[in-house]
N, C-alpha and C. Protein backbone atom coordinates (compact mmCIF):
# COMPACT_ATOMS: atom_id res chain seq x y z
N UNK A 1 82.46 48.51 -39.74
CA UNK A 1 82.15 47.72 -38.23
C UNK A 1 83.30 47.93 -37.61
N UNK A 2 84.82 48.16 -37.32
CA UNK A 2 85.81 49.09 -36.59
C UNK A 2 85.10 49.84 -35.93
N UNK A 3 84.51 50.84 -36.87
CA UNK A 3 84.20 52.18 -35.97
C UNK A 3 83.15 51.57 -35.05
N UNK A 4 81.95 50.85 -35.43
CA UNK A 4 81.14 50.70 -34.75
C UNK A 4 81.43 50.20 -33.03
N UNK A 5 82.45 48.95 -33.49
CA UNK A 5 83.15 48.88 -32.20
C UNK A 5 83.68 49.10 -31.36
N UNK A 6 84.33 50.73 -31.64
CA UNK A 6 85.00 51.37 -31.05
C UNK A 6 84.20 52.19 -30.51
N UNK A 7 83.19 52.31 -31.40
CA UNK A 7 82.05 53.35 -30.45
C UNK A 7 81.06 52.34 -29.08
N UNK A 8 81.21 51.40 -29.57
CA UNK A 8 80.68 50.77 -28.40
C UNK A 8 81.64 50.29 -27.76
N UNK A 9 82.41 50.31 -27.57
CA UNK A 9 83.60 49.98 -26.21
C UNK A 9 83.56 51.59 -25.72
N UNK A 10 83.83 52.72 -26.00
CA UNK A 10 83.71 54.26 -25.73
C UNK A 10 82.39 54.49 -24.93
N UNK A 11 81.20 53.76 -25.89
CA UNK A 11 79.98 54.07 -25.13
C UNK A 11 80.07 53.02 -23.31
N UNK A 12 80.11 51.78 -23.45
CA UNK A 12 80.21 50.98 -22.64
C UNK A 12 81.04 51.57 -21.56
N UNK A 13 82.01 52.50 -21.66
CA UNK A 13 83.08 52.71 -20.73
C UNK A 13 82.06 53.65 -20.12
N UNK A 14 81.84 54.63 -20.78
CA UNK A 14 81.36 56.28 -20.54
C UNK A 14 80.38 55.38 -19.68
N UNK A 15 79.50 54.62 -19.70
CA UNK A 15 78.11 54.15 -19.02
C UNK A 15 78.70 53.50 -17.64
N UNK A 16 79.60 52.80 -17.45
CA UNK A 16 80.56 52.40 -16.40
C UNK A 16 81.11 53.22 -15.40
N UNK A 17 81.56 54.55 -16.02
CA UNK A 17 82.15 55.05 -15.69
C UNK A 17 81.45 56.53 -14.35
N UNK A 18 80.46 57.00 -15.74
CA UNK A 18 79.11 58.10 -15.48
C UNK A 18 78.53 57.48 -14.63
N UNK A 19 78.00 55.67 -14.66
CA UNK A 19 77.31 55.14 -14.19
C UNK A 19 77.57 54.83 -12.65
N UNK A 20 78.57 54.85 -12.25
CA UNK A 20 78.85 54.62 -10.49
C UNK A 20 79.62 55.66 -10.15
N UNK A 21 78.95 56.91 -10.65
CA UNK A 21 79.64 58.24 -10.32
C UNK A 21 78.02 59.23 -9.34
N UNK A 22 78.48 59.42 -8.39
CA UNK A 22 76.80 59.62 -7.44
C UNK A 22 76.77 60.80 -8.27
N UNK A 23 77.78 62.34 -8.65
CA UNK A 23 77.69 63.17 -8.78
C UNK A 23 76.55 63.47 -10.02
N UNK A 24 76.13 62.52 -10.87
CA UNK A 24 75.24 62.79 -12.07
C UNK A 24 73.81 62.15 -11.47
N UNK A 25 74.40 61.16 -10.53
CA UNK A 25 72.88 60.60 -10.02
C UNK A 25 71.83 62.15 -9.81
N UNK A 26 70.51 61.35 -10.17
CA UNK A 26 69.40 62.37 -9.49
C UNK A 26 69.61 61.93 -7.62
N UNK A 27 68.65 63.27 -7.32
CA UNK A 27 69.14 63.28 -5.70
C UNK A 27 68.37 62.28 -4.94
N UNK A 28 68.86 61.61 -3.88
CA UNK A 28 67.34 60.71 -3.59
C UNK A 28 66.44 61.17 -3.18
N UNK A 29 66.45 62.31 -2.48
CA UNK A 29 64.96 62.74 -2.06
C UNK A 29 64.40 63.02 -3.00
N UNK A 30 64.44 62.82 -4.33
CA UNK A 30 63.28 62.47 -5.53
C UNK A 30 62.78 61.27 -5.50
N UNK A 31 63.13 59.82 -4.69
CA UNK A 31 62.61 58.47 -4.66
C UNK A 31 61.67 58.77 -3.47
N UNK A 32 61.81 59.74 -2.36
CA UNK A 32 60.46 59.32 -1.49
C UNK A 32 59.34 60.35 -1.56
N UNK A 33 58.27 59.24 -1.30
CA UNK A 33 57.27 59.75 -2.11
C UNK A 33 56.25 60.95 -0.88
N UNK A 34 55.87 61.60 -1.95
CA UNK A 34 54.97 62.96 -1.14
C UNK A 34 56.38 64.08 -1.00
N UNK A 35 57.66 63.58 -1.12
CA UNK A 35 58.39 64.73 -0.35
C UNK A 35 58.42 66.34 -0.82
N UNK A 36 57.62 66.40 -1.64
CA UNK A 36 57.10 67.78 -2.11
C UNK A 36 56.19 68.78 -0.80
N UNK A 37 55.53 68.40 -0.13
CA UNK A 37 54.69 68.15 0.58
C UNK A 37 55.31 68.34 2.30
N UNK A 38 56.74 67.80 1.96
CA UNK A 38 57.72 68.32 3.18
C UNK A 38 58.90 69.21 3.37
N UNK A 39 59.09 69.88 2.15
CA UNK A 39 59.90 70.28 2.23
C UNK A 39 59.68 71.52 1.39
N UNK A 40 60.33 72.57 1.86
CA UNK A 40 60.19 73.90 1.56
C UNK A 40 61.34 75.00 0.14
N UNK A 41 60.56 75.59 -0.61
CA UNK A 41 61.63 76.30 -1.52
C UNK A 41 62.46 77.20 -0.68
N UNK A 42 63.37 77.69 -1.09
CA UNK A 42 64.00 78.68 -0.52
C UNK A 42 64.94 79.41 -1.25
N UNK A 43 64.86 80.86 -1.90
CA UNK A 43 65.86 81.64 -2.71
C UNK A 43 66.71 81.97 -2.28
N UNK A 44 67.98 81.11 -3.07
CA UNK A 44 70.05 81.85 -2.57
C UNK A 44 69.98 82.42 -4.00
N UNK A 45 70.48 83.73 -3.78
CA UNK A 45 71.15 84.87 -4.29
C UNK A 45 70.17 84.51 -5.95
N UNK A 46 70.57 83.60 -6.74
CA UNK A 46 69.87 83.95 -8.10
C UNK A 46 69.15 82.53 -8.60
N UNK A 47 69.23 81.55 -7.69
CA UNK A 47 68.34 80.56 -7.78
C UNK A 47 67.92 79.55 -6.41
N UNK A 48 66.75 79.18 -6.74
CA UNK A 48 65.57 78.46 -5.86
C UNK A 48 65.79 77.13 -6.07
N UNK A 49 65.83 76.65 -4.32
CA UNK A 49 65.91 74.89 -3.80
C UNK A 49 65.47 74.64 -3.08
N UNK A 50 65.84 72.97 -2.90
CA UNK A 50 64.74 72.91 -1.95
C UNK A 50 65.49 72.75 -0.76
N UNK A 51 64.72 72.92 0.66
CA UNK A 51 65.51 73.22 1.85
C UNK A 51 64.64 72.38 2.84
N UNK A 52 65.12 71.88 3.67
CA UNK A 52 64.90 70.85 4.91
C UNK A 52 64.08 71.55 5.78
N UNK A 53 62.87 71.70 6.13
CA UNK A 53 62.26 73.00 7.34
C UNK A 53 62.71 72.10 8.78
N UNK A 54 62.53 73.01 9.68
CA UNK A 54 63.35 72.40 11.47
C UNK A 54 62.24 71.76 11.56
N UNK A 55 60.66 71.95 11.22
CA UNK A 55 59.53 71.15 11.75
C UNK A 55 58.66 70.74 10.59
N UNK A 56 57.85 69.44 10.76
CA UNK A 56 57.72 68.83 9.83
C UNK A 56 56.25 69.62 9.65
N UNK A 57 56.16 69.95 8.53
CA UNK A 57 54.77 70.35 8.22
C UNK A 57 53.34 69.50 8.01
N UNK A 58 52.22 70.41 8.85
CA UNK A 58 51.12 69.29 8.76
C UNK A 58 50.80 68.37 7.97
N UNK A 59 51.23 68.53 6.14
CA UNK A 59 50.80 68.19 4.80
C UNK A 59 51.60 66.88 5.01
N UNK A 60 53.00 66.88 5.49
CA UNK A 60 54.14 66.26 5.56
C UNK A 60 53.64 64.55 5.63
N UNK A 61 53.31 63.98 5.14
CA UNK A 61 53.38 62.00 5.71
C UNK A 61 54.45 62.25 6.64
N UNK A 62 54.12 61.62 7.92
CA UNK A 62 55.46 61.14 8.81
C UNK A 62 56.21 59.98 8.29
N UNK A 63 55.57 59.24 7.63
CA UNK A 63 56.77 58.11 6.68
C UNK A 63 58.02 58.77 5.51
N UNK A 64 57.26 59.99 5.24
CA UNK A 64 57.97 60.39 3.80
C UNK A 64 58.77 61.35 5.37
N UNK A 65 58.51 61.93 5.89
CA UNK A 65 59.72 63.06 7.04
C UNK A 65 60.58 62.09 7.60
N UNK A 66 60.33 60.92 8.09
CA UNK A 66 61.04 59.72 8.61
C UNK A 66 62.19 59.74 7.61
N UNK A 67 61.89 59.00 6.28
CA UNK A 67 62.57 59.08 5.33
C UNK A 67 63.82 60.06 4.73
N UNK A 68 63.24 60.60 4.66
CA UNK A 68 64.17 62.41 4.18
C UNK A 68 64.74 62.89 5.35
N UNK A 69 65.10 62.12 6.66
CA UNK A 69 65.54 62.54 8.13
C UNK A 69 66.87 61.59 7.99
N UNK A 70 66.30 60.48 7.00
CA UNK A 70 66.86 59.47 7.44
C UNK A 70 68.18 59.50 6.68
N UNK A 71 68.17 59.87 5.05
CA UNK A 71 69.21 60.25 3.86
C UNK A 71 70.29 60.65 4.69
N UNK A 72 71.35 60.15 3.91
CA UNK A 72 72.78 60.27 4.35
C UNK A 72 73.25 61.36 4.45
N UNK A 73 74.26 61.94 5.02
CA UNK A 73 74.89 63.33 4.90
C UNK A 73 75.24 63.82 3.38
N UNK A 74 75.67 63.05 2.41
CA UNK A 74 76.00 63.39 1.04
C UNK A 74 74.55 63.40 0.34
N UNK A 75 73.55 62.84 0.89
CA UNK A 75 71.84 62.90 0.35
C UNK A 75 71.21 63.54 0.78
N UNK A 76 71.22 64.53 1.93
CA UNK A 76 70.57 65.09 2.68
C UNK A 76 69.96 66.05 2.39
N UNK A 77 69.13 67.03 2.27
CA UNK A 77 68.40 68.26 1.76
C UNK A 77 68.81 69.32 2.84
N UNK A 78 69.70 69.73 2.28
CA UNK A 78 69.87 71.08 3.35
C UNK A 78 68.68 71.98 4.14
N UNK A 79 68.95 71.82 5.12
CA UNK A 79 68.12 72.80 6.63
C UNK A 79 67.84 74.03 5.52
N UNK A 80 66.81 74.41 5.92
CA UNK A 80 66.47 75.85 5.79
C UNK A 80 67.03 76.99 6.83
N UNK A 81 67.39 78.16 5.97
CA UNK A 81 67.92 78.98 6.90
C UNK A 81 67.30 79.55 8.15
N UNK A 82 67.50 79.97 8.80
CA UNK A 82 66.16 80.54 10.18
C UNK A 82 65.97 81.86 9.48
N UNK A 83 64.46 82.06 9.63
CA UNK A 83 64.27 83.56 9.08
C UNK A 83 64.24 84.58 10.40
N UNK A 84 64.95 85.79 9.62
CA UNK A 84 65.13 86.88 10.96
C UNK A 84 63.74 87.68 11.07
N UNK A 85 62.98 87.71 12.14
CA UNK A 85 62.37 88.96 12.48
C UNK A 85 62.11 90.11 12.77
């Protein structure tokens, strides 16, 4: 019984600490409906990630675009790099 109580105490402490840590929370843009229609993927060295284009794609709903642009600094999707011709 003591081992169970100790485990439960550690589990609750872990949830309390990690649950408040935004570093482990999923990105806010994932909550925005149709975000994939608004963002672009970009290769960065050895990985690929989402980036925010400078102009709204035609297939992107206006409401989704507004929500993506309204994300605060910590949750903003990084801008897509300018493509050099």
